[in-house]
Amino acid sequence: MLFMVIEHFEAGRVKDIYRRVRERGRMTPEGLTFVDSWIEAGFGRCFQLMECDDIALLQDWVLQWEDMARFEIVPVLPSKDVTALVQKHL
């Protein structure tokens, strides 16, 4: 499954977050795949697309970062998949 992870960075922690990534990597457990990410202009949020079949892997990953960010996790489907689904009902 795909998940849009919205990280709300704690104020003043952006440099600390990037330092941790540089030193330890993303710290994703085996089975959780980082797809891509986007950072908003003001450095307040990061939007990450992650993939896994076990939500516990996401929870494990969040626990490693909860001191620097607050997380929203939204299950998502690619638009092409939703289009195919909706087309069956038109």
PDB file of N, CA and C in Angstrom:
ATOM      1  N   MET A   1       0.831  -1.180   0.000  1.00  0.00           N
ATOM      2  CA  MET A   1       0.000   0.000   0.000  1.00  0.00           C
ATOM      3  C   MET A   1       0.875   1.243   0.000  1.00  0.00           C
ATOM      4  N   LEU A   2       0.308   2.307  -0.557  1.00  0.00           N
ATOM      5  CA  LEU A   2       0.996   3.599  -0.560  1.00  0.00           C
ATOM      6  C   LEU A   2       0.432   4.486   0.544  1.00  0.00           C
ATOM      7  N   PHE A   3       1.299   5.264   1.156  1.00  0.00           N
ATOM      8  CA  PHE A   3       0.900   6.177   2.213  1.00  0.00           C
ATOM      9  C   PHE A   3       1.543   7.536   1.969  1.00  0.00           C
ATOM     10  N   MET A   4       0.721   8.592   2.038  1.00  0.00           N
ATOM     11  CA  MET A   4       1.250   9.948   2.036  1.00  0.00           C
ATOM     12  C   MET A   4       1.491  10.294   3.497  1.00  0.00           C
ATOM     13  N   VAL A   5       2.750  10.531   3.822  1.00  0.00           N
ATOM     14  CA  VAL A   5       3.130  10.882   5.182  1.00  0.00           C
ATOM     15  C   VAL A   5       3.397  12.381   5.198  1.00  0.00           C
ATOM     16  N   ILE A   6       2.662  13.083   6.029  1.00  0.00           N
ATOM     17  CA  ILE A   6       2.865  14.522   6.170  1.00  0.00           C
ATOM     18  C   ILE A   6       3.547  14.749   7.509  1.00  0.00           C
ATOM     19  N   GLU A   7       4.777  15.180   7.429  1.00  0.00           N
ATOM     20  CA  GLU A   7       5.550  15.461   8.636  1.00  0.00           C
ATOM     21  C   GLU A   7       5.441  16.941   8.937  1.00  0.00           C
ATOM     22  N   HIS A   8       5.045  17.268  10.139  1.00  0.00           N
ATOM     23  CA  HIS A   8       5.018  18.654  10.608  1.00  0.00           C
ATOM     24  C   HIS A   8       6.259  18.824  11.483  1.00  0.00           C
ATOM     25  N   PHE A   9       7.244  19.520  10.958  1.00  0.00           N
ATOM     26  CA  PHE A   9       8.506  19.675  11.673  1.00  0.00           C
ATOM     27  C   PHE A   9       8.320  20.534  12.918  1.00  0.00           C
ATOM     28  N   GLU A  10       8.953  20.120  14.004  1.00  0.00           N
ATOM     29  CA  GLU A  10       8.969  20.941  15.208  1.00  0.00           C
ATOM     30  C   GLU A  10       9.769  22.211  14.900  1.00  0.00           C
ATOM     31  N   ALA A  11       9.338  23.327  15.436  1.00  0.00           N
ATOM     32  CA  ALA A  11       9.993  24.610  15.175  1.00  0.00           C
ATOM     33  C   ALA A  11      11.475  24.539  15.505  1.00  0.00           C
ATOM     34  N   GLY A  12      12.286  25.009  14.573  1.00  0.00           N
ATOM     35  CA  GLY A  12      13.725  25.065  14.776  1.00  0.00           C
ATOM     36  C   GLY A  12      14.451  23.730  14.659  1.00  0.00           C
ATOM     37  N   ARG A  13      13.775  22.667  14.206  1.00  0.00           N
ATOM     38  CA  ARG A  13      14.392  21.348  14.160  1.00  0.00           C
ATOM     39  C   ARG A  13      14.819  20.902  12.761  1.00  0.00           C
ATOM     40  N   VAL A  14      14.618  21.730  11.745  1.00  0.00           N
ATOM     41  CA  VAL A  14      14.929  21.323  10.370  1.00  0.00           C
ATOM     42  C   VAL A  14      16.380  20.895  10.227  1.00  0.00           C
ATOM     43  N   LYS A  15      17.304  21.681  10.738  1.00  0.00           N
ATOM     44  CA  LYS A  15      18.723  21.320  10.627  1.00  0.00           C
ATOM     45  C   LYS A  15      19.029  20.038  11.389  1.00  0.00           C
ATOM     46  N   ASP A  16      18.389  19.861  12.541  1.00  0.00           N
ATOM     47  CA  ASP A  16      18.577  18.624  13.310  1.00  0.00           C
ATOM     48  C   ASP A  16      18.072  17.416  12.532  1.00  0.00           C
ATOM     49  N   ILE A  17      16.940  17.568  11.861  1.00  0.00           N
ATOM     50  CA  ILE A  17      16.369  16.476  11.062  1.00  0.00           C
ATOM     51  C   ILE A  17      17.320  16.099   9.936  1.00  0.00           C
ATOM     52  N   TYR A  18      17.793  17.080   9.201  1.00  0.00           N
ATOM     53  CA  TYR A  18      18.710  16.792   8.097  1.00  0.00           C
ATOM     54  C   TYR A  18      20.043  16.219   8.592  1.00  0.00           C
ATOM     55  N   ARG A  19      20.478  16.670   9.755  1.00  0.00           N
ATOM     56  CA  ARG A  19      21.713  16.123  10.352  1.00  0.00           C
ATOM     57  C   ARG A  19      21.515  14.644  10.671  1.00  0.00           C
ATOM     58  N   ARG A  20      20.357  14.293  11.253  1.00  0.00           N
ATOM     59  CA  ARG A  20      20.086  12.892  11.592  1.00  0.00           C
ATOM     60  C   ARG A  20      20.017  12.037  10.328  1.00  0.00           C
ATOM     61  N   VAL A  21      19.372  12.552   9.290  1.00  0.00           N
ATOM     62  CA  VAL A  21      19.301  11.800   8.026  1.00  0.00           C
ATOM     63  C   VAL A  21      20.702  11.578   7.473  1.00  0.00           C
ATOM     64  N   ARG A  22      21.536  12.607   7.523  1.00  0.00           N
ATOM     65  CA  ARG A  22      22.910  12.479   7.026  1.00  0.00           C
ATOM     66  C   ARG A  22      23.695  11.438   7.823  1.00  0.00           C
ATOM     67  N   GLU A  23      23.521  11.429   9.145  1.00  0.00           N
ATOM     68  CA  GLU A  23      24.284  10.534  10.004  1.00  0.00           C
ATOM     69  C   GLU A  23      23.735   9.110  10.058  1.00  0.00           C
ATOM     70  N   ARG A  24      22.399   8.955  10.014  1.00  0.00           N
ATOM     71  CA  ARG A  24      21.786   7.634  10.223  1.00  0.00           C
ATOM     72  C   ARG A  24      20.940   7.133   9.057  1.00  0.00           C
ATOM     73  N   GLY A  25      20.763   7.981   8.038  1.00  0.00           N
ATOM     74  CA  GLY A  25      19.857   7.622   6.961  1.00  0.00           C
ATOM     75  C   GLY A  25      18.411   7.834   7.387  1.00  0.00           C
ATOM     76  N   ARG A  26      17.485   7.330   6.613  1.00  0.00           N
ATOM     77  CA  ARG A  26      16.062   7.515   6.915  1.00  0.00           C
ATOM     78  C   ARG A  26      15.564   6.612   8.040  1.00  0.00           C
ATOM     79  N   MET A  27      16.337   5.624   8.395  1.00  0.00           N
ATOM     80  CA  MET A  27      16.009   4.695   9.475  1.00  0.00           C
ATOM     81  C   MET A  27      14.708   3.938   9.216  1.00  0.00           C
ATOM     82  N   THR A  28      14.451   3.607   7.971  1.00  0.00           N
ATOM     83  CA  THR A  28      13.247   2.848   7.640  1.00  0.00           C
ATOM     84  C   THR A  28      13.494   1.366   7.907  1.00  0.00           C
ATOM     85  N   PRO A  29      12.553   0.719   8.571  1.00  0.00           N
ATOM     86  CA  PRO A  29      12.711  -0.722   8.802  1.00  0.00           C
ATOM     87  C   PRO A  29      12.580  -1.499   7.489  1.00  0.00           C
ATOM     88  N   GLU A  30      13.147  -2.685   7.456  1.00  0.00           N
ATOM     89  CA  GLU A  30      13.036  -3.570   6.293  1.00  0.00           C
ATOM     90  C   GLU A  30      11.555  -3.754   5.952  1.00  0.00           C
ATOM     91  N   GLY A  31      11.218  -3.524   4.690  1.00  0.00           N
ATOM     92  CA  GLY A  31       9.837  -3.674   4.248  1.00  0.00           C
ATOM     93  C   GLY A  31       9.099  -2.363   4.075  1.00  0.00           C
ATOM     94  N   LEU A  32       9.663  -1.266   4.600  1.00  0.00           N
ATOM     95  CA  LEU A  32       9.095   0.069   4.395  1.00  0.00           C
ATOM     96  C   LEU A  32       9.963   0.770   3.361  1.00  0.00           C
ATOM     97  N   THR A  33       9.350   1.159   2.245  1.00  0.00           N
ATOM     98  CA  THR A  33      10.089   1.748   1.137  1.00  0.00           C
ATOM     99  C   THR A  33       9.774   3.227   0.998  1.00  0.00           C
ATOM    100  N   PHE A  34      10.805   4.050   1.016  1.00  0.00           N
ATOM    101  CA  PHE A  34      10.689   5.473   0.727  1.00  0.00           C
ATOM    102  C   PHE A  34      10.589   5.618  -0.783  1.00  0.00           C
ATOM    103  N   VAL A  35       9.542   6.335  -1.267  1.00  0.00           N
ATOM    104  CA  VAL A  35       9.356   6.534  -2.702  1.00  0.00           C
ATOM    105  C   VAL A  35       9.901   7.886  -3.128  1.00  0.00           C
ATOM    106  N   ASP A  36       9.457   8.951  -2.476  1.00  0.00           N
ATOM    107  CA  ASP A  36       9.911  10.305  -2.820  1.00  0.00           C
ATOM    108  C   ASP A  36       9.421  11.263  -1.745  1.00  0.00           C
ATOM    109  N   SER A  37       9.951  12.490  -1.746  1.00  0.00           N
ATOM    110  CA  SER A  37       9.481  13.484  -0.780  1.00  0.00           C
ATOM    111  C   SER A  37       9.573  14.883  -1.353  1.00  0.00           C
ATOM    112  N   TRP A  38       8.803  15.781  -0.745  1.00  0.00           N
ATOM    113  CA  TRP A  38       8.725  17.178  -1.138  1.00  0.00           C
ATOM    114  C   TRP A  38       8.670  18.004   0.135  1.00  0.00           C
ATOM    115  N   ILE A  39       9.425  19.085   0.186  1.00  0.00           N
ATOM    116  CA  ILE A  39       9.463  19.967   1.347  1.00  0.00           C
ATOM    117  C   ILE A  39       8.818  21.296   0.969  1.00  0.00           C
ATOM    118  N   GLU A  40       7.916  21.780   1.825  1.00  0.00           N
ATOM    119  CA  GLU A  40       7.295  23.070   1.522  1.00  0.00           C
ATOM    120  C   GLU A  40       8.314  24.194   1.681  1.00  0.00           C
ATOM    121  N   ALA A  41       8.051  25.307   1.040  1.00  0.00           N
ATOM    122  CA  ALA A  41       9.008  26.414   0.960  1.00  0.00           C
ATOM    123  C   ALA A  41       9.456  26.929   2.329  1.00  0.00           C
ATOM    124  N   GLY A  42       8.560  26.934   3.302  1.00  0.00           N
ATOM    125  CA  GLY A  42       8.903  27.482   4.619  1.00  0.00           C
ATOM    126  C   GLY A  42       9.516  26.472   5.569  1.00  0.00           C
ATOM    127  N   PHE A  43       9.817  25.267   5.110  1.00  0.00           N
ATOM    128  CA  PHE A  43      10.433  24.204   5.897  1.00  0.00           C
ATOM    129  C   PHE A  43       9.560  23.685   7.038  1.00  0.00           C
ATOM    130  N   GLY A  44       8.269  23.963   7.002  1.00  0.00           N
ATOM    131  CA  GLY A  44       7.391  23.525   8.087  1.00  0.00           C
ATOM    132  C   GLY A  44       6.869  22.113   7.934  1.00  0.00           C
ATOM    133  N   ARG A  45       6.781  21.656   6.678  1.00  0.00           N
ATOM    134  CA  ARG A  45       6.231  20.322   6.441  1.00  0.00           C
ATOM    135  C   ARG A  45       7.004  19.605   5.349  1.00  0.00           C
ATOM    136  N   CYS A  46       6.998  18.287   5.476  1.00  0.00           N
ATOM    137  CA  CYS A  46       7.554  17.406   4.456  1.00  0.00           C
ATOM    138  C   CYS A  46       6.447  16.439   4.056  1.00  0.00           C
ATOM    139  N   PHE A  47       6.297  16.230   2.757  1.00  0.00           N
ATOM    140  CA  PHE A  47       5.321  15.290   2.227  1.00  0.00           C
ATOM    141  C   PHE A  47       6.105  14.117   1.655  1.00  0.00           C
ATOM    142  N   GLN A  48       5.926  12.945   2.239  1.00  0.00           N
ATOM    143  CA  GLN A  48       6.666  11.765   1.797  1.00  0.00           C
ATOM    144  C   GLN A  48       5.704  10.698   1.316  1.00  0.00           C
ATOM    145  N   LEU A  49       6.049  10.077   0.215  1.00  0.00           N
ATOM    146  CA  LEU A  49       5.295   8.929  -0.257  1.00  0.00           C
ATOM    147  C   LEU A  49       6.073   7.692   0.163  1.00  0.00           C
ATOM    148  N   MET A  50       5.407   6.827   0.933  1.00  0.00           N
ATOM    149  CA  MET A  50       6.026   5.611   1.453  1.00  0.00           C
ATOM    150  C   MET A  50       5.184   4.421   1.005  1.00  0.00           C
ATOM    151  N   GLU A  51       5.837   3.253   0.923  1.00  0.00           N
ATOM    152  CA  GLU A  51       5.132   2.049   0.511  1.00  0.00           C
ATOM    153  C   GLU A  51       5.458   0.903   1.463  1.00  0.00           C
ATOM    154  N   CYS A  52       4.412   0.189   1.885  1.00  0.00           N
ATOM    155  CA  CYS A  52       4.598  -0.998   2.709  1.00  0.00           C
ATOM    156  C   CYS A  52       3.284  -1.770   2.786  1.00  0.00           C
ATOM    157  N   ASP A  53       3.367  -3.008   3.230  1.00  0.00           N
ATOM    158  CA  ASP A  53       2.184  -3.847   3.392  1.00  0.00           C
ATOM    159  C   ASP A  53       1.794  -4.017   4.851  1.00  0.00           C
ATOM    160  N   ASP A  54       2.578  -3.474   5.754  1.00  0.00           N
ATOM    161  CA  ASP A  54       2.342  -3.656   7.187  1.00  0.00           C
ATOM    162  C   ASP A  54       2.414  -2.304   7.880  1.00  0.00           C
ATOM    163  N   ILE A  55       1.281  -1.816   8.364  1.00  0.00           N
ATOM    164  CA  ILE A  55       1.223  -0.493   8.996  1.00  0.00           C
ATOM    165  C   ILE A  55       2.157  -0.402  10.203  1.00  0.00           C
ATOM    166  N   ALA A  56       2.444  -1.527  10.840  1.00  0.00           N
ATOM    167  CA  ALA A  56       3.349  -1.518  11.994  1.00  0.00           C
ATOM    168  C   ALA A  56       4.742  -1.023  11.607  1.00  0.00           C
ATOM    169  N   LEU A  57       5.138  -1.242  10.359  1.00  0.00           N
ATOM    170  CA  LEU A  57       6.438  -0.736   9.896  1.00  0.00           C
ATOM    171  C   LEU A  57       6.454   0.786   9.894  1.00  0.00           C
ATOM    172  N   LEU A  58       5.346   1.392   9.470  1.00  0.00           N
ATOM    173  CA  LEU A  58       5.246   2.857   9.513  1.00  0.00           C
ATOM    174  C   LEU A  58       5.279   3.345  10.961  1.00  0.00           C
ATOM    175  N   GLN A  59       4.564   2.656  11.828  1.00  0.00           N
ATOM    176  CA  GLN A  59       4.538   3.052  13.235  1.00  0.00           C
ATOM    177  C   GLN A  59       5.926   2.949  13.859  1.00  0.00           C
ATOM    178  N   ASP A  60       6.656   1.895  13.529  1.00  0.00           N
ATOM    179  CA  ASP A  60       8.023   1.729  14.023  1.00  0.00           C
ATOM    180  C   ASP A  60       8.905   2.885  13.561  1.00  0.00           C
ATOM    181  N   TRP A  61       8.762   3.260  12.308  1.00  0.00           N
ATOM    182  CA  TRP A  61       9.544   4.362  11.745  1.00  0.00           C
ATOM    183  C   TRP A  61       9.195   5.689  12.421  1.00  0.00           C
ATOM    184  N   VAL A  62       7.895   5.944  12.606  1.00  0.00           N
ATOM    185  CA  VAL A  62       7.451   7.189  13.251  1.00  0.00           C
ATOM    186  C   VAL A  62       8.045   7.311  14.653  1.00  0.00           C
ATOM    187  N   LEU A  63       8.086   6.221  15.384  1.00  0.00           N
ATOM    188  CA  LEU A  63       8.626   6.271  16.749  1.00  0.00           C
ATOM    189  C   LEU A  63      10.090   6.711  16.780  1.00  0.00           C
ATOM    190  N   GLN A  64      10.815   6.507  15.706  1.00  0.00           N
ATOM    191  CA  GLN A  64      12.217   6.925  15.651  1.00  0.00           C
ATOM    192  C   GLN A  64      12.367   8.424  15.381  1.00  0.00           C
ATOM    193  N   TRP A  65      11.289   9.055  14.928  1.00  0.00           N
ATOM    194  CA  TRP A  65      11.344  10.467  14.552  1.00  0.00           C
ATOM    195  C   TRP A  65      10.401  11.355  15.360  1.00  0.00           C
ATOM    196  N   GLU A  66       9.639  10.806  16.283  1.00  0.00           N
ATOM    197  CA  GLU A  66       8.600  11.577  16.969  1.00  0.00           C
ATOM    198  C   GLU A  66       9.151  12.721  17.820  1.00  0.00           C
ATOM    199  N   ASP A  67      10.442  12.707  18.115  1.00  0.00           N
ATOM    200  CA  ASP A  67      11.027  13.800  18.892  1.00  0.00           C
ATOM    201  C   ASP A  67      11.248  15.052  18.041  1.00  0.00           C
ATOM    202  N   MET A  68      11.156  14.922  16.704  1.00  0.00           N
ATOM    203  CA  MET A  68      11.430  16.053  15.826  1.00  0.00           C
ATOM    204  C   MET A  68      10.261  16.460  14.947  1.00  0.00           C
ATOM    205  N   ALA A  69       9.235  15.613  14.868  1.00  0.00           N
ATOM    206  CA  ALA A  69       8.125  15.918  13.959  1.00  0.00           C
ATOM    207  C   ALA A  69       6.848  15.256  14.459  1.00  0.00           C
ATOM    208  N   ARG A  70       5.727  15.799  14.004  1.00  0.00           N
ATOM    209  CA  ARG A  70       4.416  15.209  14.229  1.00  0.00           C
ATOM    210  C   ARG A  70       3.965  14.663  12.887  1.00  0.00           C
ATOM    211  N   PHE A  71       3.287  13.528  12.866  1.00  0.00           N
ATOM    212  CA  PHE A  71       2.989  12.822  11.623  1.00  0.00           C
ATOM    213  C   PHE A  71       1.497  12.673  11.360  1.00  0.00           C
ATOM    214  N   GLU A  72       1.124  12.866  10.105  1.00  0.00           N
ATOM    215  CA  GLU A  72      -0.179  12.455   9.582  1.00  0.00           C
ATOM    216  C   GLU A  72       0.122  11.390   8.543  1.00  0.00           C
ATOM    217  N   ILE A  73      -0.614  10.291   8.584  1.00  0.00           N
ATOM    218  CA  ILE A  73      -0.395   9.211   7.625  1.00  0.00           C
ATOM    219  C   ILE A  73      -1.716   8.918   6.935  1.00  0.00           C
ATOM    220  N   VAL A  74      -1.712   9.069   5.604  1.00  0.00           N
ATOM    221  CA  VAL A  74      -2.930   8.930   4.812  1.00  0.00           C
ATOM    222  C   VAL A  74      -2.722   7.844   3.759  1.00  0.00           C
ATOM    223  N   PRO A  75      -3.507   6.749   3.825  1.00  0.00           N
ATOM    224  CA  PRO A  75      -3.428   5.747   2.749  1.00  0.00           C
ATOM    225  C   PRO A  75      -3.907   6.390   1.443  1.00  0.00           C
ATOM    226  N   VAL A  76      -3.181   6.159   0.356  1.00  0.00           N
ATOM    227  CA  VAL A  76      -3.538   6.760  -0.934  1.00  0.00           C
ATOM    228  C   VAL A  76      -3.446   5.728  -2.052  1.00  0.00           C
ATOM    229  N   LEU A  77      -4.152   6.033  -3.141  1.00  0.00           N
ATOM    230  CA  LEU A  77      -4.085   5.242  -4.371  1.00  0.00           C
ATOM    231  C   LEU A  77      -3.658   6.156  -5.503  1.00  0.00           C
ATOM    232  N   PRO A  78      -2.887   5.650  -6.455  1.00  0.00           N
ATOM    233  CA  PRO A  78      -2.556   6.459  -7.633  1.00  0.00           C
ATOM    234  C   PRO A  78      -3.839   6.827  -8.385  1.00  0.00           C
ATOM    235  N   SER A  79      -3.859   8.005  -8.971  1.00  0.00           N
ATOM    236  CA  SER A  79      -5.035   8.487  -9.692  1.00  0.00           C
ATOM    237  C   SER A  79      -5.480   7.519 -10.777  1.00  0.00           C
ATOM    238  N   LYS A  80      -4.530   6.884 -11.459  1.00  0.00           N
ATOM    239  CA  LYS A  80      -4.896   5.946 -12.530  1.00  0.00           C
ATOM    240  C   LYS A  80      -5.700   4.774 -11.977  1.00  0.00           C
ATOM    241  N   ASP A  81      -5.378   4.323 -10.778  1.00  0.00           N
ATOM    242  CA  ASP A  81      -6.121   3.228 -10.161  1.00  0.00           C
ATOM    243  C   ASP A  81      -7.525   3.669  -9.765  1.00  0.00           C
ATOM    244  N   VAL A  82      -7.642   4.873  -9.243  1.00  0.00           N
ATOM    245  CA  VAL A  82      -8.959   5.400  -8.872  1.00  0.00           C
ATOM    246  C   VAL A  82      -9.810   5.625 -10.130  1.00  0.00           C
ATOM    247  N   THR A  83      -9.193   6.132 -11.185  1.00  0.00           N
ATOM    248  CA  THR A  83      -9.920   6.335 -12.442  1.00  0.00           C
ATOM    249  C   THR A  83     -10.494   5.023 -12.944  1.00  0.00           C
ATOM    250  N   ALA A  84      -9.715   3.956 -12.932  1.00  0.00           N
ATOM    251  CA  ALA A  84     -10.191   2.655 -13.380  1.00  0.00           C
ATOM    252  C   ALA A  84     -11.344   2.169 -12.513  1.00  0.00           C
ATOM    253  N   LEU A  85     -11.251   2.362 -11.225  1.00  0.00           N
ATOM    254  CA  LEU A  85     -12.316   1.949 -10.308  1.00  0.00           C
ATOM    255  C   LEU A  85     -13.608   2.710 -10.583  1.00  0.00           C
ATOM    256  N   VAL A  86     -13.490   4.019 -10.693  1.00  0.00           N
ATOM    257  CA  VAL A  86     -14.676   4.860 -10.910  1.00  0.00           C
ATOM    258  C   VAL A  86     -15.305   4.555 -12.268  1.00  0.00           C
ATOM    259  N   GLN A  87     -14.494   4.301 -13.273  1.00  0.00           N
ATOM    260  CA  GLN A  87     -15.006   4.020 -14.613  1.00  0.00           C
ATOM    261  C   GLN A  87     -15.945   2.818 -14.599  1.00  0.00           C
ATOM    262  N   LYS A  88     -15.701   1.861 -13.749  1.00  0.00           N
ATOM    263  CA  LYS A  88     -16.567   0.682 -13.667  1.00  0.00           C
ATOM    264  C   LYS A  88     -17.969   1.037 -13.179  1.00  0.00           C
ATOM    265  N   HIS A  89     -18.111   2.194 -12.536  1.00  0.00           N
ATOM    266  CA  HIS A  89     -19.384   2.597 -11.947  1.00  0.00           C
ATOM    267  C   HIS A  89     -20.090   3.701 -12.725  1.00  0.00           C
ATOM    268  N   LEU A  90     -19.558   4.074 -13.852  1.00  0.00           N
ATOM    269  CA  LEU A  90     -20.184   5.128 -14.663  1.00  0.00           C
ATOM    270  C   LEU A  90     -21.126   4.540 -15.680  1.00  0.00           C
TER     271      LEU A  90
END
